[in-house]
Amino acid sequence: MNILFLCTGNSCRSQMAEGWAKKLKDESFHAYSAGVETHGLNERAVTVMKESGVDISDNKSKLVSDLPNDIEFDYVVTVCGNAKETCPFFPAKSKVVHVGFDDPPSQTKSMKNENEILDVYRRVRDEIKEFILTLPSALME
């Protein structure tokens, strides 16, 4: 089974989801992430994932078109509202499911305290982990 986690810029939430899926569910499915745009890998996402023992530092922000053409996705999980609204077309075989998570960069834009900023990233990281733990059964409901 192939699952794509899709977000706007493939910088934070979709990267966290891919990282958790590879760490926790590698035997259940193949996980990928991409964006409808590319924004570069978010360093704070890398930091909080590393705190939990998941290294995503070598990941790259990529578009769906950057993924190998021969991958047929069973599920496309949009993790933000913009990706849901601008989701590219996928063949009928692919089931598109929306599971939204807060956007840490947007939520922390006006914050100055780095620990408070990282706490927002940690909360979203943990929410994504809890969702990943329910896969793949949660997608089949």
N, C-alpha and C. Protein backbone atom coordinates (compact mmCIF):
# COMPACT_ATOMS: atom_id res chain seq x y z
N MET A 1 0.84 -1.17 0.00
CA MET A 1 0.00 0.00 0.00
C MET A 1 0.89 1.24 0.00
N ASN A 2 0.53 2.22 -0.81
CA ASN A 2 1.26 3.49 -0.90
C ASN A 2 0.37 4.63 -0.42
N ILE A 3 0.91 5.44 0.51
CA ILE A 3 0.17 6.58 1.04
C ILE A 3 1.00 7.84 0.83
N LEU A 4 0.34 8.86 0.29
CA LEU A 4 0.97 10.17 0.09
C LEU A 4 0.37 11.16 1.09
N PHE A 5 1.23 11.84 1.84
CA PHE A 5 0.80 12.92 2.72
C PHE A 5 1.06 14.22 1.97
N LEU A 6 -0.01 14.97 1.73
CA LEU A 6 0.06 16.16 0.90
C LEU A 6 -0.26 17.40 1.71
N CYS A 7 0.59 18.42 1.57
CA CYS A 7 0.40 19.69 2.26
C CYS A 7 0.72 20.81 1.28
N THR A 8 0.59 22.03 1.72
CA THR A 8 0.86 23.15 0.82
C THR A 8 2.31 23.16 0.35
N GLY A 9 3.25 23.27 1.28
CA GLY A 9 4.64 23.46 0.90
C GLY A 9 5.56 22.30 1.16
N ASN A 10 5.03 21.19 1.68
CA ASN A 10 5.84 20.02 2.01
C ASN A 10 7.05 20.41 2.85
N SER A 11 6.78 21.26 3.85
CA SER A 11 7.88 21.71 4.68
C SER A 11 7.77 21.24 6.13
N CYS A 12 6.55 20.97 6.60
CA CYS A 12 6.37 20.72 8.03
C CYS A 12 5.44 19.53 8.29
N ARG A 13 4.13 19.73 8.18
CA ARG A 13 3.16 18.69 8.57
C ARG A 13 3.27 17.42 7.74
N SER A 14 3.35 17.55 6.43
CA SER A 14 3.45 16.36 5.59
C SER A 14 4.79 15.65 5.81
N GLN A 15 5.83 16.42 6.09
CA GLN A 15 7.13 15.83 6.38
C GLN A 15 7.09 15.06 7.71
N MET A 16 6.43 15.64 8.71
CA MET A 16 6.28 14.94 9.99
C MET A 16 5.50 13.65 9.80
N ALA A 17 4.42 13.72 9.02
CA ALA A 17 3.59 12.52 8.79
C ALA A 17 4.40 11.43 8.10
N GLU A 18 5.15 11.81 7.07
CA GLU A 18 5.99 10.82 6.39
C GLU A 18 7.01 10.22 7.35
N GLY A 19 7.65 11.08 8.15
CA GLY A 19 8.64 10.59 9.10
C GLY A 19 8.06 9.62 10.11
N TRP A 20 6.90 9.99 10.69
CA TRP A 20 6.25 9.09 11.65
C TRP A 20 5.83 7.78 10.99
N ALA A 21 5.29 7.88 9.79
CA ALA A 21 4.83 6.67 9.10
C ALA A 21 5.99 5.72 8.83
N LYS A 22 7.10 6.26 8.41
CA LYS A 22 8.27 5.41 8.15
C LYS A 22 8.81 4.80 9.43
N LYS A 23 8.73 5.55 10.53
CA LYS A 23 9.24 5.05 11.81
C LYS A 23 8.29 4.03 12.44
N LEU A 24 6.99 4.30 12.38
CA LEU A 24 6.03 3.48 13.12
C LEU A 24 5.29 2.44 12.29
N LYS A 25 5.19 2.65 10.98
CA LYS A 25 4.32 1.80 10.16
C LYS A 25 5.01 1.29 8.90
N ASP A 26 6.32 1.25 8.90
CA ASP A 26 7.06 0.89 7.70
C ASP A 26 6.67 -0.49 7.17
N GLU A 27 6.25 -1.38 8.06
CA GLU A 27 5.86 -2.72 7.62
C GLU A 27 4.44 -2.75 7.05
N SER A 28 3.65 -1.70 7.27
CA SER A 28 2.25 -1.68 6.84
C SER A 28 2.04 -1.03 5.48
N PHE A 29 2.85 -0.03 5.16
CA PHE A 29 2.68 0.69 3.89
C PHE A 29 3.92 1.51 3.58
N HIS A 30 3.98 1.99 2.34
CA HIS A 30 5.06 2.88 1.91
C HIS A 30 4.54 4.32 2.00
N ALA A 31 5.28 5.16 2.71
CA ALA A 31 4.86 6.54 2.93
C ALA A 31 5.68 7.51 2.09
N TYR A 32 4.99 8.52 1.57
CA TYR A 32 5.62 9.58 0.79
C TYR A 32 4.99 10.90 1.23
N SER A 33 5.67 11.99 0.94
CA SER A 33 5.08 13.31 1.17
C SER A 33 5.43 14.21 0.01
N ALA A 34 4.57 15.20 -0.20
CA ALA A 34 4.79 16.19 -1.25
C ALA A 34 3.92 17.39 -0.95
N GLY A 35 4.11 18.44 -1.76
CA GLY A 35 3.32 19.65 -1.60
C GLY A 35 2.76 20.11 -2.92
N VAL A 36 1.80 21.01 -2.85
CA VAL A 36 1.29 21.63 -4.07
C VAL A 36 2.22 22.77 -4.48
N GLU A 37 3.13 23.14 -3.56
CA GLU A 37 4.24 24.08 -3.79
C GLU A 37 5.41 23.50 -3.01
N THR A 38 6.58 24.12 -3.13
CA THR A 38 7.70 23.73 -2.26
C THR A 38 8.15 24.94 -1.48
N HIS A 39 8.33 24.74 -0.17
CA HIS A 39 8.75 25.83 0.71
C HIS A 39 10.07 25.54 1.40
N GLY A 40 10.67 24.40 1.13
CA GLY A 40 11.89 24.02 1.85
C GLY A 40 11.54 23.33 3.16
N LEU A 41 12.43 22.51 3.63
CA LEU A 41 12.21 21.76 4.86
C LEU A 41 12.29 22.70 6.06
N ASN A 42 11.28 22.65 6.93
CA ASN A 42 11.20 23.52 8.10
C ASN A 42 12.14 22.99 9.19
N GLU A 43 13.10 23.82 9.59
CA GLU A 43 14.10 23.39 10.58
C GLU A 43 13.51 23.09 11.95
N ARG A 44 12.47 23.80 12.32
CA ARG A 44 11.84 23.50 13.62
C ARG A 44 11.13 22.14 13.57
N ALA A 45 10.57 21.79 12.45
CA ALA A 45 9.97 20.46 12.30
C ALA A 45 11.05 19.40 12.44
N VAL A 46 12.20 19.63 11.83
CA VAL A 46 13.33 18.71 11.96
C VAL A 46 13.73 18.56 13.43
N THR A 47 13.81 19.69 14.13
CA THR A 47 14.22 19.70 15.53
C THR A 47 13.28 18.89 16.41
N VAL A 48 11.97 19.14 16.30
CA VAL A 48 11.04 18.45 17.20
C VAL A 48 10.88 16.97 16.83
N MET A 49 11.03 16.65 15.56
CA MET A 49 10.99 15.23 15.18
C MET A 49 12.23 14.50 15.73
N LYS A 50 13.36 15.15 15.65
CA LYS A 50 14.60 14.55 16.16
C LYS A 50 14.49 14.30 17.67
N GLU A 51 13.80 15.22 18.39
CA GLU A 51 13.58 15.03 19.83
C GLU A 51 12.85 13.72 20.12
N SER A 52 12.03 13.28 19.17
CA SER A 52 11.25 12.06 19.33
C SER A 52 11.91 10.85 18.68
N GLY A 53 13.13 11.02 18.23
CA GLY A 53 13.86 9.90 17.66
C GLY A 53 13.59 9.65 16.18
N VAL A 54 13.03 10.65 15.49
CA VAL A 54 12.76 10.51 14.06
C VAL A 54 13.58 11.57 13.33
N ASP A 55 14.49 11.11 12.48
CA ASP A 55 15.37 12.03 11.75
C ASP A 55 14.82 12.27 10.35
N ILE A 56 14.33 13.48 10.10
CA ILE A 56 13.85 13.85 8.77
C ILE A 56 14.78 14.88 8.12
N SER A 57 15.97 15.05 8.67
CA SER A 57 16.87 16.11 8.22
C SER A 57 17.34 15.94 6.78
N ASP A 58 17.32 14.73 6.25
CA ASP A 58 17.72 14.51 4.86
C ASP A 58 16.56 14.63 3.87
N ASN A 59 15.34 14.84 4.39
CA ASN A 59 14.18 14.98 3.50
C ASN A 59 14.29 16.27 2.71
N LYS A 60 13.64 16.29 1.57
CA LYS A 60 13.58 17.48 0.72
C LYS A 60 12.13 17.87 0.49
N SER A 61 11.86 19.16 0.41
CA SER A 61 10.54 19.65 0.05
C SER A 61 10.35 19.38 -1.44
N LYS A 62 9.24 18.70 -1.79
CA LYS A 62 9.04 18.31 -3.18
C LYS A 62 7.59 18.43 -3.61
N LEU A 63 7.40 18.52 -4.90
CA LEU A 63 6.08 18.53 -5.51
C LEU A 63 5.65 17.10 -5.81
N VAL A 64 4.36 16.90 -6.03
CA VAL A 64 3.88 15.59 -6.44
C VAL A 64 4.58 15.16 -7.72
N SER A 65 4.80 16.10 -8.63
CA SER A 65 5.44 15.78 -9.91
C SER A 65 6.91 15.36 -9.74
N ASP A 66 7.50 15.62 -8.57
CA ASP A 66 8.87 15.20 -8.30
C ASP A 66 8.97 13.73 -7.89
N LEU A 67 7.84 13.13 -7.52
CA LEU A 67 7.83 11.73 -7.10
C LEU A 67 7.92 10.83 -8.33
N PRO A 68 8.44 9.61 -8.17
CA PRO A 68 8.52 8.70 -9.32
C PRO A 68 7.15 8.49 -9.96
N ASN A 69 7.11 8.49 -11.27
CA ASN A 69 5.85 8.37 -12.02
C ASN A 69 5.16 7.02 -11.85
N ASP A 70 5.91 6.00 -11.48
CA ASP A 70 5.33 4.66 -11.43
C ASP A 70 4.64 4.33 -10.11
N ILE A 71 4.59 5.27 -9.18
CA ILE A 71 3.92 5.02 -7.90
C ILE A 71 2.43 5.26 -8.05
N GLU A 72 1.64 4.26 -7.69
CA GLU A 72 0.19 4.41 -7.64
C GLU A 72 -0.20 4.50 -6.18
N PHE A 73 -0.79 5.63 -5.81
CA PHE A 73 -1.15 5.85 -4.42
C PHE A 73 -2.51 5.25 -4.12
N ASP A 74 -2.57 4.46 -3.06
CA ASP A 74 -3.85 3.92 -2.60
C ASP A 74 -4.62 5.02 -1.87
N TYR A 75 -3.89 5.83 -1.10
CA TYR A 75 -4.49 6.92 -0.34
C TYR A 75 -3.64 8.18 -0.49
N VAL A 76 -4.33 9.29 -0.62
CA VAL A 76 -3.69 10.61 -0.56
C VAL A 76 -4.33 11.31 0.63
N VAL A 77 -3.51 11.64 1.62
CA VAL A 77 -4.01 12.27 2.85
C VAL A 77 -3.60 13.74 2.82
N THR A 78 -4.57 14.63 2.66
CA THR A 78 -4.28 16.05 2.72
C THR A 78 -4.26 16.45 4.20
N VAL A 79 -3.18 17.10 4.62
CA VAL A 79 -3.02 17.43 6.04
C VAL A 79 -3.21 18.92 6.31
N CYS A 80 -3.64 19.67 5.27
CA CYS A 80 -3.96 21.08 5.47
C CYS A 80 -5.07 21.48 4.51
N GLY A 81 -5.80 22.52 4.86
CA GLY A 81 -6.94 22.96 4.07
C GLY A 81 -6.58 23.38 2.66
N ASN A 82 -5.47 24.07 2.50
CA ASN A 82 -5.07 24.52 1.16
C ASN A 82 -4.79 23.33 0.24
N ALA A 83 -4.12 22.32 0.76
CA ALA A 83 -3.85 21.12 -0.05
C ALA A 83 -5.16 20.42 -0.42
N LYS A 84 -6.11 20.43 0.51
CA LYS A 84 -7.42 19.82 0.22
C LYS A 84 -8.09 20.56 -0.93
N GLU A 85 -8.03 21.89 -0.90
CA GLU A 85 -8.69 22.69 -1.92
C GLU A 85 -7.98 22.65 -3.26
N THR A 86 -6.66 22.48 -3.25
CA THR A 86 -5.89 22.53 -4.49
C THR A 86 -5.28 21.18 -4.84
N CYS A 87 -5.80 20.13 -4.26
CA CYS A 87 -5.26 18.79 -4.48
C CYS A 87 -5.25 18.46 -5.96
N PRO A 88 -4.10 18.04 -6.48
CA PRO A 88 -4.05 17.66 -7.89
C PRO A 88 -4.90 16.42 -8.15
N PHE A 89 -5.17 16.17 -9.41
CA PHE A 89 -5.95 15.00 -9.79
C PHE A 89 -5.13 13.73 -9.58
N PHE A 90 -5.77 12.72 -9.01
CA PHE A 90 -5.15 11.41 -8.88
C PHE A 90 -6.08 10.40 -9.53
N PRO A 91 -5.54 9.32 -10.08
CA PRO A 91 -6.39 8.30 -10.70
C PRO A 91 -7.46 7.79 -9.74
N ALA A 92 -8.50 7.23 -10.31
CA ALA A 92 -9.65 6.77 -9.52
C ALA A 92 -9.25 5.79 -8.42
N LYS A 93 -8.17 5.06 -8.62
CA LYS A 93 -7.72 4.10 -7.61
C LYS A 93 -7.37 4.79 -6.30
N SER A 94 -6.89 6.02 -6.38
CA SER A 94 -6.46 6.75 -5.18
C SER A 94 -7.65 7.35 -4.45
N LYS A 95 -7.74 7.04 -3.17
CA LYS A 95 -8.77 7.63 -2.33
C LYS A 95 -8.17 8.84 -1.61
N VAL A 96 -8.76 10.01 -1.80
CA VAL A 96 -8.27 11.23 -1.15
C VAL A 96 -9.04 11.43 0.15
N VAL A 97 -8.30 11.58 1.24
CA VAL A 97 -8.86 11.74 2.58
C VAL A 97 -8.25 13.00 3.19
N HIS A 98 -9.08 13.82 3.83
CA HIS A 98 -8.56 15.01 4.49
C HIS A 98 -8.51 14.82 6.00
N VAL A 99 -7.33 15.04 6.57
CA VAL A 99 -7.14 15.03 8.01
C VAL A 99 -6.29 16.25 8.33
N GLY A 100 -6.93 17.34 8.71
CA GLY A 100 -6.23 18.60 8.89
C GLY A 100 -5.54 18.73 10.24
N PHE A 101 -4.39 19.37 10.21
CA PHE A 101 -3.64 19.68 11.42
C PHE A 101 -3.29 21.17 11.38
N ASP A 102 -3.16 21.78 12.57
CA ASP A 102 -2.76 23.18 12.65
C ASP A 102 -1.40 23.38 11.98
N ASP A 103 -1.20 24.58 11.45
CA ASP A 103 0.05 24.94 10.78
C ASP A 103 0.98 25.65 11.77
N PRO A 104 2.02 24.97 12.28
CA PRO A 104 2.90 25.61 13.25
C PRO A 104 3.52 26.92 12.79
N PRO A 105 4.03 27.04 11.55
CA PRO A 105 4.61 28.33 11.16
C PRO A 105 3.60 29.48 11.23
N SER A 106 2.37 29.25 10.83
CA SER A 106 1.35 30.30 10.90
C SER A 106 1.00 30.63 12.33
N GLN A 107 0.88 29.60 13.16
CA GLN A 107 0.48 29.82 14.55
C GLN A 107 1.55 30.48 15.39
N THR A 108 2.79 30.40 14.96
CA THR A 108 3.89 30.95 15.77
C THR A 108 4.49 32.22 15.17
N LYS A 109 3.89 32.72 14.11
CA LYS A 109 4.46 33.87 13.38
C LYS A 109 4.74 35.07 14.28
N SER A 110 3.86 35.35 15.23
CA SER A 110 4.04 36.53 16.08
C SER A 110 4.73 36.21 17.41
N MET A 111 5.08 34.96 17.64
CA MET A 111 5.74 34.58 18.90
C MET A 111 7.23 34.89 18.85
N LYS A 112 7.77 35.21 19.99
CA LYS A 112 9.20 35.53 20.10
C LYS A 112 9.99 34.47 20.88
N ASN A 113 9.32 33.82 21.84
CA ASN A 113 9.98 32.85 22.71
C ASN A 113 10.15 31.52 21.99
N GLU A 114 11.39 31.10 21.78
CA GLU A 114 11.66 29.87 21.02
C GLU A 114 11.05 28.64 21.68
N ASN A 115 11.06 28.56 23.00
CA ASN A 115 10.47 27.40 23.67
C ASN A 115 8.96 27.33 23.43
N GLU A 116 8.29 28.48 23.46
CA GLU A 116 6.85 28.51 23.18
C GLU A 116 6.58 28.13 21.73
N ILE A 117 7.41 28.59 20.83
CA ILE A 117 7.27 28.24 19.41
C ILE A 117 7.43 26.74 19.23
N LEU A 118 8.47 26.18 19.83
CA LEU A 118 8.71 24.74 19.70
C LEU A 118 7.59 23.92 20.34
N ASP A 119 6.97 24.45 21.39
CA ASP A 119 5.84 23.74 22.01
C ASP A 119 4.68 23.58 21.03
N VAL A 120 4.45 24.57 20.18
CA VAL A 120 3.40 24.45 19.16
C VAL A 120 3.78 23.35 18.17
N TYR A 121 5.01 23.34 17.73
CA TYR A 121 5.48 22.30 16.81
C TYR A 121 5.38 20.92 17.46
N ARG A 122 5.72 20.84 18.74
CA ARG A 122 5.64 19.56 19.46
C ARG A 122 4.20 19.06 19.55
N ARG A 123 3.27 19.97 19.82
CA ARG A 123 1.86 19.58 19.91
C ARG A 123 1.39 19.00 18.57
N VAL A 124 1.69 19.68 17.50
CA VAL A 124 1.26 19.19 16.18
C VAL A 124 1.97 17.89 15.84
N ARG A 125 3.26 17.80 16.17
CA ARG A 125 4.01 16.55 15.96
C ARG A 125 3.31 15.39 16.66
N ASP A 126 2.92 15.61 17.90
CA ASP A 126 2.28 14.55 18.68
C ASP A 126 0.89 14.20 18.14
N GLU A 127 0.15 15.20 17.67
CA GLU A 127 -1.17 14.93 17.06
C GLU A 127 -1.01 14.11 15.78
N ILE A 128 0.00 14.43 15.00
CA ILE A 128 0.25 13.66 13.78
C ILE A 128 0.65 12.23 14.13
N LYS A 129 1.48 12.07 15.14
CA LYS A 129 1.87 10.72 15.57
C LYS A 129 0.65 9.90 15.96
N GLU A 130 -0.26 10.49 16.73
CA GLU A 130 -1.47 9.77 17.15
C GLU A 130 -2.29 9.34 15.94
N PHE A 131 -2.38 10.20 14.93
CA PHE A 131 -3.09 9.84 13.71
C PHE A 131 -2.39 8.70 12.98
N ILE A 132 -1.08 8.78 12.85
CA ILE A 132 -0.32 7.74 12.15
C ILE A 132 -0.51 6.39 12.84
N LEU A 133 -0.59 6.39 14.15
CA LEU A 133 -0.78 5.13 14.88
C LEU A 133 -2.11 4.44 14.52
N THR A 134 -3.08 5.19 14.01
CA THR A 134 -4.38 4.60 13.65
C THR A 134 -4.39 4.04 12.22
N LEU A 135 -3.31 4.23 11.49
CA LEU A 135 -3.26 3.81 10.09
C LEU A 135 -2.84 2.35 9.96
N PRO A 136 -3.27 1.69 8.91
CA PRO A 136 -4.10 2.18 7.82
C PRO A 136 -5.62 2.07 8.08
N SER A 137 -6.00 1.46 9.20
CA SER A 137 -7.42 1.20 9.43
C SER A 137 -8.27 2.47 9.41
N ALA A 138 -7.75 3.59 9.92
CA ALA A 138 -8.53 4.84 9.94
C ALA A 138 -8.89 5.33 8.55
N LEU A 139 -8.10 4.98 7.56
CA LEU A 139 -8.37 5.43 6.20
C LEU A 139 -9.43 4.56 5.52
N MET A 140 -9.66 3.39 6.03
CA MET A 140 -10.58 2.45 5.39
C MET A 140 -12.00 2.56 5.90
N GLU A 141 -12.22 3.44 6.89
CA GLU A 141 -13.55 3.58 7.47
C GLU A 141 -14.46 4.38 6.57
